[in-house]
Amino acid sequence: MLTARPDVEIVAPEAHRDLVAERAGVARRERRSASTTGRTVSAGGFSFTAVPAAHEEIERDAQGRMLHLGYVVRCGPFTLYHAGDTIP
């Protein structure tokens, strides 16, 4: 639950937006949790660019949205890559 930090923004795959909101205990519209491949969103001074991630293969939901994403995260002069939900 995000009651302790109501200002926290969530960045997660659009395909899991409802699940993320449910698990965080917030209404779907209250938090940013919509990222799709190639899209960049900003939160808390960071920018997150979604890139495809896979287990053994790329998986998509019924609407064609990626189920697993990695993120290129930028803050000031720093950039890092978070592999997300993937298998090497």
PDB file of N, CA and C in Angstrom:
ATOM      1  N   MET A   1       0.836  -1.168   0.000  1.00  0.00           N
ATOM      2  CA  MET A   1       0.000   0.000   0.000  1.00  0.00           C
ATOM      3  C   MET A   1       0.892   1.247   0.000  1.00  0.00           C
ATOM      4  N   LEU A   2       0.443   2.261  -0.673  1.00  0.00           N
ATOM      5  CA  LEU A   2       1.223   3.481  -0.805  1.00  0.00           C
ATOM      6  C   LEU A   2       0.747   4.588   0.127  1.00  0.00           C
ATOM      7  N   THR A   3       0.043   4.247   1.182  1.00  0.00           N
ATOM      8  CA  THR A   3      -0.475   5.279   2.074  1.00  0.00           C
ATOM      9  C   THR A   3       0.649   6.050   2.762  1.00  0.00           C
ATOM     10  N   ALA A   4       1.778   5.427   3.011  1.00  0.00           N
ATOM     11  CA  ALA A   4       2.901   6.102   3.654  1.00  0.00           C
ATOM     12  C   ALA A   4       3.570   7.102   2.730  1.00  0.00           C
ATOM     13  N   ARG A   5       3.494   6.898   1.422  1.00  0.00           N
ATOM     14  CA  ARG A   5       4.116   7.782   0.437  1.00  0.00           C
ATOM     15  C   ARG A   5       3.140   8.045  -0.700  1.00  0.00           C
ATOM     16  N   PRO A   6       2.146   8.879  -0.480  1.00  0.00           N
ATOM     17  CA  PRO A   6       1.137   9.124  -1.513  1.00  0.00           C
ATOM     18  C   PRO A   6       1.680   9.805  -2.758  1.00  0.00           C
ATOM     19  N   ASP A   7       2.905  10.357  -2.689  1.00  0.00           N
ATOM     20  CA  ASP A   7       3.493  11.045  -3.831  1.00  0.00           C
ATOM     21  C   ASP A   7       4.269  10.112  -4.762  1.00  0.00           C
ATOM     22  N   VAL A   8       4.413   8.844  -4.399  1.00  0.00           N
ATOM     23  CA  VAL A   8       5.179   7.893  -5.206  1.00  0.00           C
ATOM     24  C   VAL A   8       4.467   7.622  -6.528  1.00  0.00           C
ATOM     25  N   GLU A   9       5.235   7.662  -7.614  1.00  0.00           N
ATOM     26  CA  GLU A   9       4.702   7.307  -8.928  1.00  0.00           C
ATOM     27  C   GLU A   9       5.250   5.941  -9.310  1.00  0.00           C
ATOM     28  N   ILE A  10       4.421   5.141  -9.952  1.00  0.00           N
ATOM     29  CA  ILE A  10       4.802   3.788 -10.343  1.00  0.00           C
ATOM     30  C   ILE A  10       4.972   3.742 -11.852  1.00  0.00           C
ATOM     31  N   VAL A  11       6.060   3.147 -12.294  1.00  0.00           N
ATOM     32  CA  VAL A  11       6.278   2.934 -13.719  1.00  0.00           C
ATOM     33  C   VAL A  11       6.347   1.429 -13.930  1.00  0.00           C
ATOM     34  N   ALA A  12       5.437   0.903 -14.735  1.00  0.00           N
ATOM     35  CA  ALA A  12       5.350  -0.535 -14.979  1.00  0.00           C
ATOM     36  C   ALA A  12       4.729  -0.762 -16.353  1.00  0.00           C
ATOM     37  N   PRO A  13       4.838  -1.971 -16.891  1.00  0.00           N
ATOM     38  CA  PRO A  13       4.250  -2.242 -18.205  1.00  0.00           C
ATOM     39  C   PRO A  13       2.745  -1.958 -18.242  1.00  0.00           C
ATOM     40  N   GLU A  14       2.302  -1.322 -19.296  1.00  0.00           N
ATOM     41  CA  GLU A  14       0.877  -1.033 -19.488  1.00  0.00           C
ATOM     42  C   GLU A  14       0.046  -2.312 -19.381  1.00  0.00           C
ATOM     43  N   ALA A  15       0.574  -3.414 -19.873  1.00  0.00           N
ATOM     44  CA  ALA A  15      -0.160  -4.681 -19.842  1.00  0.00           C
ATOM     45  C   ALA A  15      -0.486  -5.130 -18.413  1.00  0.00           C
ATOM     46  N   HIS A  16       0.258  -4.626 -17.429  1.00  0.00           N
ATOM     47  CA  HIS A  16       0.046  -5.018 -16.032  1.00  0.00           C
ATOM     48  C   HIS A  16      -0.498  -3.870 -15.182  1.00  0.00           C
ATOM     49  N   ARG A  17      -1.017  -2.839 -15.816  1.00  0.00           N
ATOM     50  CA  ARG A  17      -1.453  -1.638 -15.100  1.00  0.00           C
ATOM     51  C   ARG A  17      -2.486  -1.940 -14.010  1.00  0.00           C
ATOM     52  N   ASP A  18      -3.495  -2.728 -14.312  1.00  0.00           N
ATOM     53  CA  ASP A  18      -4.521  -3.047 -13.311  1.00  0.00           C
ATOM     54  C   ASP A  18      -3.938  -3.862 -12.158  1.00  0.00           C
ATOM     55  N   LEU A  19      -3.094  -4.830 -12.467  1.00  0.00           N
ATOM     56  CA  LEU A  19      -2.471  -5.662 -11.436  1.00  0.00           C
ATOM     57  C   LEU A  19      -1.595  -4.814 -10.516  1.00  0.00           C
ATOM     58  N   VAL A  20      -0.815  -3.908 -11.097  1.00  0.00           N
ATOM     59  CA  VAL A  20       0.053  -3.038 -10.301  1.00  0.00           C
ATOM     60  C   VAL A  20      -0.777  -2.169  -9.367  1.00  0.00           C
ATOM     61  N   ALA A  21      -1.831  -1.565  -9.887  1.00  0.00           N
ATOM     62  CA  ALA A  21      -2.692  -0.714  -9.058  1.00  0.00           C
ATOM     63  C   ALA A  21      -3.328  -1.520  -7.926  1.00  0.00           C
ATOM     64  N   GLU A  22      -3.788  -2.724  -8.248  1.00  0.00           N
ATOM     65  CA  GLU A  22      -4.405  -3.577  -7.228  1.00  0.00           C
ATOM     66  C   GLU A  22      -3.405  -3.922  -6.126  1.00  0.00           C
ATOM     67  N   ARG A  23      -2.213  -4.351  -6.509  1.00  0.00           N
ATOM     68  CA  ARG A  23      -1.211  -4.746  -5.515  1.00  0.00           C
ATOM     69  C   ARG A  23      -0.701  -3.565  -4.701  1.00  0.00           C
ATOM     70  N   ALA A  24      -0.694  -2.371  -5.300  1.00  0.00           N
ATOM     71  CA  ALA A  24      -0.245  -1.176  -4.578  1.00  0.00           C
ATOM     72  C   ALA A  24      -1.362  -0.581  -3.730  1.00  0.00           C
ATOM     73  N   GLY A  25      -2.587  -1.060  -3.948  1.00  0.00           N
ATOM     74  CA  GLY A  25      -3.711  -0.575  -3.173  1.00  0.00           C
ATOM     75  C   GLY A  25      -4.170   0.812  -3.569  1.00  0.00           C
ATOM     76  N   VAL A  26      -4.049   1.141  -4.857  1.00  0.00           N
ATOM     77  CA  VAL A  26      -4.472   2.460  -5.346  1.00  0.00           C
ATOM     78  C   VAL A  26      -5.394   2.291  -6.540  1.00  0.00           C
ATOM     79  N   ALA A  27      -6.146   3.339  -6.832  1.00  0.00           N
ATOM     80  CA  ALA A  27      -6.981   3.324  -8.031  1.00  0.00           C
ATOM     81  C   ALA A  27      -6.077   3.401  -9.255  1.00  0.00           C
ATOM     82  N   ARG A  28      -6.481   2.760 -10.317  1.00  0.00           N
ATOM     83  CA  ARG A  28      -5.674   2.688 -11.536  1.00  0.00           C
ATOM     84  C   ARG A  28      -5.262   4.065 -12.034  1.00  0.00           C
ATOM     85  N   ARG A  29      -6.135   5.040 -11.951  1.00  0.00           N
ATOM     86  CA  ARG A  29      -5.857   6.369 -12.498  1.00  0.00           C
ATOM     87  C   ARG A  29      -4.966   7.217 -11.596  1.00  0.00           C
ATOM     88  N   GLU A  30      -4.729   6.783 -10.356  1.00  0.00           N
ATOM     89  CA  GLU A  30      -3.974   7.602  -9.407  1.00  0.00           C
ATOM     90  C   GLU A  30      -2.475   7.562  -9.614  1.00  0.00           C
ATOM     91  N   ARG A  31      -1.949   6.592 -10.264  1.00  0.00           N
ATOM     92  CA  ARG A  31      -0.502   6.449 -10.414  1.00  0.00           C
ATOM     93  C   ARG A  31      -0.151   6.225 -11.874  1.00  0.00           C
ATOM     94  N   ARG A  32       0.960   6.793 -12.279  1.00  0.00           N
ATOM     95  CA  ARG A  32       1.448   6.536 -13.629  1.00  0.00           C
ATOM     96  C   ARG A  32       2.011   5.123 -13.636  1.00  0.00           C
ATOM     97  N   SER A  33       1.466   4.281 -14.447  1.00  0.00           N
ATOM     98  CA  SER A  33       1.983   2.914 -14.539  1.00  0.00           C
ATOM     99  C   SER A  33       1.797   2.415 -15.960  1.00  0.00           C
ATOM    100  N   ALA A  34       2.022   3.298 -16.887  1.00  0.00           N
ATOM    101  CA  ALA A  34       1.774   2.954 -18.278  1.00  0.00           C
ATOM    102  C   ALA A  34       3.034   3.139 -19.092  1.00  0.00           C
ATOM    103  N   SER A  35       3.750   2.076 -19.315  1.00  0.00           N
ATOM    104  CA  SER A  35       4.897   2.171 -20.192  1.00  0.00           C
ATOM    105  C   SER A  35       4.794   1.085 -21.251  1.00  0.00           C
ATOM    106  N   THR A  36       5.169   1.449 -22.437  1.00  0.00           N
ATOM    107  CA  THR A  36       5.188   0.513 -23.550  1.00  0.00           C
ATOM    108  C   THR A  36       6.538   0.640 -24.239  1.00  0.00           C
ATOM    109  N   THR A  37       6.892  -0.346 -25.024  1.00  0.00           N
ATOM    110  CA  THR A  37       8.186  -0.369 -25.679  1.00  0.00           C
ATOM    111  C   THR A  37       8.446   0.930 -26.429  1.00  0.00           C
ATOM    112  N   GLY A  38       9.607   1.524 -26.154  1.00  0.00           N
ATOM    113  CA  GLY A  38      10.022   2.745 -26.829  1.00  0.00           C
ATOM    114  C   GLY A  38       9.506   4.023 -26.213  1.00  0.00           C
ATOM    115  N   ARG A  39       8.552   3.939 -25.323  1.00  0.00           N
ATOM    116  CA  ARG A  39       7.984   5.135 -24.694  1.00  0.00           C
ATOM    117  C   ARG A  39       8.829   5.543 -23.497  1.00  0.00           C
ATOM    118  N   THR A  40       9.000   6.841 -23.326  1.00  0.00           N
ATOM    119  CA  THR A  40       9.718   7.364 -22.170  1.00  0.00           C
ATOM    120  C   THR A  40       8.739   8.108 -21.273  1.00  0.00           C
ATOM    121  N   VAL A  41       8.772   7.802 -19.986  1.00  0.00           N
ATOM    122  CA  VAL A  41       7.968   8.517 -18.996  1.00  0.00           C
ATOM    123  C   VAL A  41       8.915   9.060 -17.931  1.00  0.00           C
ATOM    124  N   SER A  42       8.503  10.111 -17.263  1.00  0.00           N
ATOM    125  CA  SER A  42       9.313  10.710 -16.207  1.00  0.00           C
ATOM    126  C   SER A  42       8.600  10.585 -14.873  1.00  0.00           C
ATOM    127  N   ALA A  43       9.386  10.376 -13.837  1.00  0.00           N
ATOM    128  CA  ALA A  43       8.847  10.285 -12.478  1.00  0.00           C
ATOM    129  C   ALA A  43       9.970  10.569 -11.496  1.00  0.00           C
ATOM    130  N   GLY A  44       9.718  11.445 -10.558  1.00  0.00           N
ATOM    131  CA  GLY A  44      10.677  11.703  -9.488  1.00  0.00           C
ATOM    132  C   GLY A  44      12.044  12.159  -9.944  1.00  0.00           C
ATOM    133  N   GLY A  45      12.130  12.887 -11.040  1.00  0.00           N
ATOM    134  CA  GLY A  45      13.418  13.354 -11.535  1.00  0.00           C
ATOM    135  C   GLY A  45      14.169  12.351 -12.395  1.00  0.00           C
ATOM    136  N   PHE A  46      13.573  11.198 -12.633  1.00  0.00           N
ATOM    137  CA  PHE A  46      14.170  10.165 -13.472  1.00  0.00           C
ATOM    138  C   PHE A  46      13.359  10.037 -14.746  1.00  0.00           C
ATOM    139  N   SER A  47      13.989   9.583 -15.828  1.00  0.00           N
ATOM    140  CA  SER A  47      13.235   9.215 -17.030  1.00  0.00           C
ATOM    141  C   SER A  47      13.443   7.727 -17.258  1.00  0.00           C
ATOM    142  N   PHE A  48      12.381   7.061 -17.692  1.00  0.00           N
ATOM    143  CA  PHE A  48      12.373   5.624 -17.897  1.00  0.00           C
ATOM    144  C   PHE A  48      11.956   5.340 -19.333  1.00  0.00           C
ATOM    145  N   THR A  49      12.836   4.720 -20.107  1.00  0.00           N
ATOM    146  CA  THR A  49      12.499   4.335 -21.466  1.00  0.00           C
ATOM    147  C   THR A  49      12.343   2.823 -21.488  1.00  0.00           C
ATOM    148  N   ALA A  50      11.169   2.368 -21.880  1.00  0.00           N
ATOM    149  CA  ALA A  50      10.865   0.940 -21.886  1.00  0.00           C
ATOM    150  C   ALA A  50      11.479   0.259 -23.107  1.00  0.00           C
ATOM    151  N   VAL A  51      12.113  -0.891 -22.871  1.00  0.00           N
ATOM    152  CA  VAL A  51      12.690  -1.705 -23.943  1.00  0.00           C
ATOM    153  C   VAL A  51      12.210  -3.144 -23.765  1.00  0.00           C
ATOM    154  N   PRO A  52      12.113  -3.908 -24.853  1.00  0.00           N
ATOM    155  CA  PRO A  52      11.614  -5.280 -24.746  1.00  0.00           C
ATOM    156  C   PRO A  52      12.471  -6.145 -23.820  1.00  0.00           C
ATOM    157  N   ALA A  53      11.823  -7.017 -23.088  1.00  0.00           N
ATOM    158  CA  ALA A  53      12.492  -8.028 -22.270  1.00  0.00           C
ATOM    159  C   ALA A  53      11.773  -9.347 -22.540  1.00  0.00           C
ATOM    160  N   ALA A  54      12.460 -10.442 -22.302  1.00  0.00           N
ATOM    161  CA  ALA A  54      11.853 -11.739 -22.604  1.00  0.00           C
ATOM    162  C   ALA A  54      12.292 -12.786 -21.599  1.00  0.00           C
ATOM    163  N   HIS A  55      11.488 -13.804 -21.496  1.00  0.00           N
ATOM    164  CA  HIS A  55      11.935 -15.014 -20.824  1.00  0.00           C
ATOM    165  C   HIS A  55      12.558 -15.838 -21.951  1.00  0.00           C
ATOM    166  N   GLU A  56      12.026 -16.973 -22.273  1.00  0.00           N
ATOM    167  CA  GLU A  56      12.566 -17.705 -23.415  1.00  0.00           C
ATOM    168  C   GLU A  56      12.150 -17.054 -24.731  1.00  0.00           C
ATOM    169  N   GLU A  57      11.060 -16.310 -24.695  1.00  0.00           N
ATOM    170  CA  GLU A  57      10.567 -15.630 -25.896  1.00  0.00           C
ATOM    171  C   GLU A  57       9.807 -14.379 -25.488  1.00  0.00           C
ATOM    172  N   ILE A  58       9.572 -13.499 -26.457  1.00  0.00           N
ATOM    173  CA  ILE A  58       8.786 -12.289 -26.223  1.00  0.00           C
ATOM    174  C   ILE A  58       7.334 -12.706 -26.008  1.00  0.00           C
ATOM    175  N   GLU A  59       6.704 -12.162 -24.964  1.00  0.00           N
ATOM    176  CA  GLU A  59       5.298 -12.467 -24.689  1.00  0.00           C
ATOM    177  C   GLU A  59       4.484 -11.181 -24.734  1.00  0.00           C
ATOM    178  N   ARG A  60       3.283 -11.267 -25.291  1.00  0.00           N
ATOM    179  CA  ARG A  60       2.385 -10.122 -25.396  1.00  0.00           C
ATOM    180  C   ARG A  60       1.003 -10.501 -24.874  1.00  0.00           C
ATOM    181  N   ASP A  61       0.255  -9.491 -24.443  1.00  0.00           N
ATOM    182  CA  ASP A  61      -1.116  -9.737 -24.010  1.00  0.00           C
ATOM    183  C   ASP A  61      -2.041  -9.732 -25.224  1.00  0.00           C
ATOM    184  N   ALA A  62      -3.336  -9.874 -25.009  1.00  0.00           N
ATOM    185  CA  ALA A  62      -4.309  -9.944 -26.099  1.00  0.00           C
ATOM    186  C   ALA A  62      -4.344  -8.675 -26.946  1.00  0.00           C
ATOM    187  N   GLN A  63      -3.927  -7.537 -26.363  1.00  0.00           N
ATOM    188  CA  GLN A  63      -3.894  -6.279 -27.107  1.00  0.00           C
ATOM    189  C   GLN A  63      -2.545  -6.053 -27.797  1.00  0.00           C
ATOM    190  N   GLY A  64      -1.633  -7.015 -27.676  1.00  0.00           N
ATOM    191  CA  GLY A  64      -0.322  -6.909 -28.324  1.00  0.00           C
ATOM    192  C   GLY A  64       0.720  -6.166 -27.510  1.00  0.00           C
ATOM    193  N   ARG A  65       0.409  -5.839 -26.251  1.00  0.00           N
ATOM    194  CA  ARG A  65       1.354  -5.114 -25.406  1.00  0.00           C
ATOM    195  C   ARG A  65       2.356  -6.083 -24.780  1.00  0.00           C
ATOM    196  N   MET A  66       3.603  -5.631 -24.652  1.00  0.00           N
ATOM    197  CA  MET A  66       4.655  -6.453 -24.054  1.00  0.00           C
ATOM    198  C   MET A  66       4.315  -6.778 -22.603  1.00  0.00           C
ATOM    199  N   LEU A  67       4.474  -8.042 -22.223  1.00  0.00           N
ATOM    200  CA  LEU A  67       4.242  -8.433 -20.838  1.00  0.00           C
ATOM    201  C   LEU A  67       5.464  -8.167 -19.965  1.00  0.00           C
ATOM    202  N   HIS A  68       6.652  -8.149 -20.571  1.00  0.00           N
ATOM    203  CA  HIS A  68       7.892  -7.960 -19.814  1.00  0.00           C
ATOM    204  C   HIS A  68       8.691  -6.836 -20.458  1.00  0.00           C
ATOM    205  N   LEU A  69       9.163  -5.927 -19.635  1.00  0.00           N
ATOM    206  CA  LEU A  69       9.950  -4.801 -20.121  1.00  0.00           C
ATOM    207  C   LEU A  69      11.202  -4.621 -19.279  1.00  0.00           C
ATOM    208  N   GLY A  70      12.238  -4.114 -19.900  1.00  0.00           N
ATOM    209  CA  GLY A  70      13.404  -3.599 -19.200  1.00  0.00           C
ATOM    210  C   GLY A  70      13.317  -2.084 -19.305  1.00  0.00           C
ATOM    211  N   TYR A  71      14.200  -1.388 -18.615  1.00  0.00           N
ATOM    212  CA  TYR A  71      14.159   0.075 -18.650  1.00  0.00           C
ATOM    213  C   TYR A  71      15.553   0.667 -18.744  1.00  0.00           C
ATOM    214  N   VAL A  72      15.695   1.675 -19.609  1.00  0.00           N
ATOM    215  CA  VAL A  72      16.863   2.537 -19.600  1.00  0.00           C
ATOM    216  C   VAL A  72      16.467   3.706 -18.699  1.00  0.00           C
ATOM    217  N   VAL A  73      17.187   3.871 -17.603  1.00  0.00           N
ATOM    218  CA  VAL A  73      16.845   4.878 -16.603  1.00  0.00           C
ATOM    219  C   VAL A  73      17.896   5.988 -16.644  1.00  0.00           C
ATOM    220  N   ARG A  74      17.422   7.229 -16.761  1.00  0.00           N
ATOM    221  CA  ARG A  74      18.323   8.378 -16.814  1.00  0.00           C
ATOM    222  C   ARG A  74      17.994   9.344 -15.677  1.00  0.00           C
ATOM    223  N   CYS A  75      19.047   9.890 -15.095  1.00  0.00           N
ATOM    224  CA  CYS A  75      18.922  10.930 -14.077  1.00  0.00           C
ATOM    225  C   CYS A  75      20.166  11.793 -14.168  1.00  0.00           C
ATOM    226  N   GLY A  76      19.986  13.046 -14.557  1.00  0.00           N
ATOM    227  CA  GLY A  76      21.141  13.926 -14.736  1.00  0.00           C
ATOM    228  C   GLY A  76      22.097  13.317 -15.740  1.00  0.00           C
ATOM    229  N   PRO A  77      23.387  13.263 -15.421  1.00  0.00           N
ATOM    230  CA  PRO A  77      24.370  12.725 -16.370  1.00  0.00           C
ATOM    231  C   PRO A  77      24.479  11.196 -16.345  1.00  0.00           C
ATOM    232  N   PHE A  78      23.672  10.544 -15.525  1.00  0.00           N
ATOM    233  CA  PHE A  78      23.794   9.099 -15.336  1.00  0.00           C
ATOM    234  C   PHE A  78      22.726   8.329 -16.106  1.00  0.00           C
ATOM    235  N   THR A  79      23.139   7.180 -16.643  1.00  0.00           N
ATOM    236  CA  THR A  79      22.225   6.277 -17.347  1.00  0.00           C
ATOM    237  C   THR A  79      22.528   4.856 -16.886  1.00  0.00           C
ATOM    238  N   LEU A  80      21.474   4.094 -16.606  1.00  0.00           N
ATOM    239  CA  LEU A  80      21.662   2.679 -16.288  1.00  0.00           C
ATOM    240  C   LEU A  80      20.563   1.868 -16.955  1.00  0.00           C
ATOM    241  N   TYR A  81      20.817   0.581 -17.053  1.00  0.00           N
ATOM    242  CA  TYR A  81      19.845  -0.318 -17.655  1.00  0.00           C
ATOM    243  C   TYR A  81      19.369  -1.302 -16.607  1.00  0.00           C
ATOM    244  N   HIS A  82      18.049  -1.404 -16.474  1.00  0.00           N
ATOM    245  CA  HIS A  82      17.443  -2.398 -15.570  1.00  0.00           C
ATOM    246  C   HIS A  82      16.805  -3.437 -16.473  1.00  0.00           C
ATOM    247  N   ALA A  83      17.269  -4.674 -16.384  1.00  0.00           N
ATOM    248  CA  ALA A  83      16.806  -5.736 -17.290  1.00  0.00           C
ATOM    249  C   ALA A  83      15.341  -6.094 -17.087  1.00  0.00           C
ATOM    250  N   GLY A  84      14.748  -5.737 -15.967  1.00  0.00           N
ATOM    251  CA  GLY A  84      13.348  -6.046 -15.747  1.00  0.00           C
ATOM    252  C   GLY A  84      13.129  -7.530 -15.535  1.00  0.00           C
ATOM    253  N   ASP A  85      11.966  -7.997 -15.923  1.00  0.00           N
ATOM    254  CA  ASP A  85      11.574  -9.391 -15.740  1.00  0.00           C
ATOM    255  C   ASP A  85      12.045 -10.183 -16.944  1.00  0.00           C
ATOM    256  N   THR A  86      13.257 -10.701 -16.849  1.00  0.00           N
ATOM    257  CA  THR A  86      13.858 -11.395 -17.981  1.00  0.00           C
ATOM    258  C   THR A  86      14.706 -12.557 -17.507  1.00  0.00           C
ATOM    259  N   ILE A  87      15.097 -13.401 -18.419  1.00  0.00           N
ATOM    260  CA  ILE A  87      15.989 -14.513 -18.123  1.00  0.00           C
ATOM    261  C   ILE A  87      17.200 -14.367 -19.018  1.00  0.00           C
ATOM    262  N   PRO A  88      18.410 -14.452 -18.477  1.00  0.00           N
ATOM    263  CA  PRO A  88      19.615 -14.266 -19.311  1.00  0.00           C
ATOM    264  C   PRO A  88      19.702 -15.284 -20.437  1.00  0.00           C
TER     265      PRO A  88
END
